[in-house]
């Protein structure tokens, strides 16, 4: 065989073995979880994968009881804000809501405005729902118990949204 034929034969053998390798199922590696807590969308899309896992979100209280720095208590019954386009947005609990049953939080952006579309989080058995703080950025951490439907008034329209329900709650403030 001359050199050209040898090169062609070697190339054909190499190509044939590549085809065989691609036909065999590859050993699948376990999916790599991203570092840090899971994203809201991932939890809503596949709640069973996150039940019992700790999650963390920057939040504001949308509805529930508040303990003020002065020691007095009050009730928070909604949020309103303007989005970057200037559109006014509002969210409130539905009619008949009993404050703190459950506490309703909203996931926020870096500027502390709720993320759109809304990302609600509910917490049962938390009294008060929130203690006022001088920090503008507070993260809610907890263990995912379930994902459930939650009704809210969004821009005066009743909507039902999926919301993670958390237990073992903690609030994290920025490190000083």
Protein backbone atom coordinates (compact mmCIF):
# COMPACT_ATOMS: atom_id res chain seq x y z
CA UNK A 1 0.00 0.00 0.00
CA UNK A 2 1.26 3.44 -0.78
CA UNK A 3 1.14 6.30 1.70
CA UNK A 4 -2.03 7.85 0.24
CA UNK A 5 -3.95 4.56 0.47
CA UNK A 6 -2.66 4.06 4.03
CA UNK A 7 -3.85 7.53 5.03
CA UNK A 8 -7.26 6.95 3.43
CA UNK A 9 -7.61 3.56 5.16
CA UNK A 10 -6.63 5.06 8.53
CA UNK A 11 -9.10 7.91 8.06
CA UNK A 12 -11.92 5.51 7.13
CA UNK A 13 -11.19 3.35 10.19
CA UNK A 14 -11.16 6.44 12.42
CA UNK A 15 -14.43 7.71 10.95
CA UNK A 16 -16.04 4.30 11.32
CA UNK A 17 -15.07 4.09 14.98
CA UNK A 18 -16.44 7.62 15.57
CA UNK A 19 -19.77 6.54 14.14
CA UNK A 20 -19.84 3.46 16.36
CA UNK A 21 -19.03 5.50 19.42
CA UNK A 22 -21.83 7.95 18.71
CA UNK A 23 -24.34 5.11 18.34
CA UNK A 24 -23.56 3.73 21.78
CA UNK A 25 -25.38 5.45 24.64
CA UNK A 26 -22.99 7.68 26.50
CA UNK A 27 -22.67 7.24 30.21
CA UNK A 28 -24.74 10.06 31.61
CA UNK A 29 -23.24 12.16 34.31
CA UNK A 30 -25.44 13.40 37.13
CA UNK A 31 -26.73 16.90 36.41
CA UNK A 32 -24.65 19.55 38.06
CA UNK A 33 -26.63 21.78 40.38
CA UNK A 34 -25.73 25.44 40.22
CA UNK A 35 -23.94 26.84 43.26
CA UNK A 36 -26.18 28.45 45.85
CA UNK A 37 -29.89 28.11 46.47
CA UNK A 38 -32.19 27.01 43.62
CA UNK A 39 -33.90 29.60 41.45
CA UNK A 40 -37.61 30.38 41.86
CA UNK A 41 -38.45 29.16 38.33
CA UNK A 42 -36.68 25.84 38.97
CA UNK A 43 -38.68 25.27 42.15
CA UNK A 44 -42.00 26.02 40.42
CA UNK A 45 -41.11 23.84 37.41
CA UNK A 46 -40.03 20.82 39.49
CA UNK A 47 -41.15 21.18 43.13
CA UNK A 48 -40.52 17.53 44.03
CA UNK A 49 -36.80 17.97 43.38
CA UNK A 50 -36.58 20.71 46.01
CA UNK A 51 -38.93 19.56 48.81
CA UNK A 52 -36.95 19.58 52.05
CA UNK A 53 -34.14 21.73 50.62
CA UNK A 54 -33.16 25.14 51.90
CA UNK A 55 -33.96 28.07 49.64
CA UNK A 56 -33.18 31.77 49.88
CA UNK A 57 -34.71 34.82 48.23
CA UNK A 58 -34.44 38.60 48.59
CA UNK A 59 -37.99 39.59 49.55
CA UNK A 60 -40.43 42.25 50.67
CA UNK A 61 -43.53 41.57 52.73
CA UNK A 62 -46.69 41.82 50.62
CA UNK A 63 -49.19 40.88 53.33
CA UNK A 64 -49.03 40.04 57.02
CA UNK A 65 -48.31 41.35 60.51
CA UNK A 66 -45.27 43.56 61.16
CA UNK A 67 -43.36 44.25 64.37
CA UNK A 68 -41.93 47.78 64.24
CA UNK A 69 -38.64 48.87 65.80
CA UNK A 70 -40.73 50.87 68.34
CA UNK A 71 -42.28 47.61 69.59
CA UNK A 72 -45.68 48.40 68.12
CA UNK A 73 -47.35 46.05 65.66
CA UNK A 74 -49.22 46.69 62.44
CA UNK A 75 -50.58 44.98 59.37
CA UNK A 76 -49.10 45.22 55.91
CA UNK A 77 -51.69 44.69 53.19
CA UNK A 78 -49.92 45.12 49.87
CA UNK A 79 -47.17 46.68 47.78
CA UNK A 80 -47.20 49.23 44.98
CA UNK A 81 -44.33 50.37 42.76
CA UNK A 82 -43.49 51.70 39.32
CA UNK A 83 -41.60 49.42 36.95
CA UNK A 84 -38.72 50.79 34.81
CA UNK A 85 -41.17 51.84 32.07
CA UNK A 86 -43.09 53.95 34.60
CA UNK A 87 -46.13 51.63 34.73
CA UNK A 88 -47.74 51.55 38.16
CA UNK A 89 -48.08 48.07 39.67
CA UNK A 90 -49.84 46.86 42.79
CA UNK A 91 -50.32 43.63 44.66
CA UNK A 92 -52.51 42.90 47.67
CA UNK A 93 -54.01 39.88 49.38
CA UNK A 94 -57.41 38.71 48.10
CA UNK A 95 -60.67 39.72 49.80
CA UNK A 96 -61.19 37.84 53.06
CA UNK A 97 -57.45 37.51 53.74
CA UNK A 98 -56.67 37.13 57.45
CA UNK A 99 -53.33 38.89 58.14
CA UNK A 100 -50.54 36.38 58.55
CA UNK A 101 -52.64 33.41 57.37
CA UNK A 102 -50.30 32.92 55.51
CA UNK A 103 -47.58 35.57 55.43
CA UNK A 104 -47.06 36.54 51.79
CA UNK A 105 -43.68 37.74 50.53
CA UNK A 106 -42.57 38.77 47.04
CA UNK A 107 -39.15 38.09 45.52
CA UNK A 108 -37.45 41.40 44.64
CA UNK A 109 -34.77 42.79 42.32
CA UNK A 110 -31.62 44.56 43.52
CA UNK A 111 -33.63 47.80 43.79
CA UNK A 112 -36.15 46.11 46.15
CA UNK A 113 -39.01 46.19 43.64
CA UNK A 114 -40.93 42.96 43.04
CA UNK A 115 -39.79 40.86 40.10
CA UNK A 116 -42.32 40.62 37.27
CA UNK A 117 -43.99 38.27 36.67
CA UNK A 118 -44.59 38.12 40.41
CA UNK A 119 -42.83 35.47 42.45
CA UNK A 120 -44.79 35.02 45.71
CA UNK A 121 -43.60 33.00 48.70
CA UNK A 122 -45.92 31.93 51.52
CA UNK A 123 -45.10 31.13 55.13
CA UNK A 124 -47.56 29.64 57.63
CA UNK A 125 -47.27 29.98 61.42
CA UNK A 126 -44.93 32.98 61.50
CA UNK A 127 -45.91 35.67 64.01
CA UNK A 128 -45.21 38.41 63.25
CA UNK A 129 -44.55 37.90 59.56
CA UNK A 130 -41.77 40.45 59.59
CA UNK A 131 -39.82 42.61 62.00
CA UNK A 132 -39.01 46.08 60.70
CA UNK A 133 -35.33 46.66 60.12
CA UNK A 134 -33.07 49.45 58.97
CA UNK A 135 -31.71 47.16 56.25
CA UNK A 136 -33.11 47.64 52.78
CA UNK A 137 -32.02 44.19 51.61
CA UNK A 138 -33.21 41.21 53.63
CA UNK A 139 -33.20 37.63 52.42
CA UNK A 140 -35.81 35.12 53.48
CA UNK A 141 -34.43 31.61 53.93
CA UNK A 142 -36.35 28.47 54.71
CA UNK A 143 -37.01 24.87 53.86
CA UNK A 144 -39.36 24.15 50.96
CA UNK A 145 -42.43 22.28 52.22
CA UNK A 146 -44.53 22.41 49.04
CA UNK A 147 -45.57 24.57 46.11
CA UNK A 148 -49.19 25.66 46.24
CA UNK A 149 -51.64 27.96 44.51
CA UNK A 150 -51.91 31.40 46.10
CA UNK A 151 -54.45 34.05 45.22
CA UNK A 152 -53.43 37.71 45.04
CA UNK A 153 -54.96 40.92 43.74
CA UNK A 154 -52.55 42.06 41.05
CA UNK A 155 -53.40 45.49 39.65
CA UNK A 156 -56.92 44.99 41.11
CA UNK A 157 -57.42 41.65 39.31
CA UNK A 158 -57.59 38.34 41.22
CA UNK A 159 -54.91 35.97 39.98
CA UNK A 160 -53.71 32.57 41.15
CA UNK A 161 -49.96 32.07 41.21
CA UNK A 162 -47.74 29.17 42.22
CA UNK A 163 -45.92 29.92 45.46
CA UNK A 164 -43.30 27.99 47.40
CA UNK A 165 -44.45 27.38 50.99
CA UNK A 166 -41.53 27.54 53.42
CA UNK A 167 -40.88 26.28 56.94
CA UNK A 168 -37.89 26.76 59.30
CA UNK A 169 -37.73 30.45 58.45
CA UNK A 170 -34.81 32.78 58.99
CA UNK A 171 -34.12 36.31 57.81
CA UNK A 172 -30.61 37.20 56.68
CA UNK A 173 -29.38 40.76 56.70
CA UNK A 174 -26.30 41.98 54.84
CA UNK A 175 -22.96 41.54 56.58
CA UNK A 176 -21.68 44.78 58.03
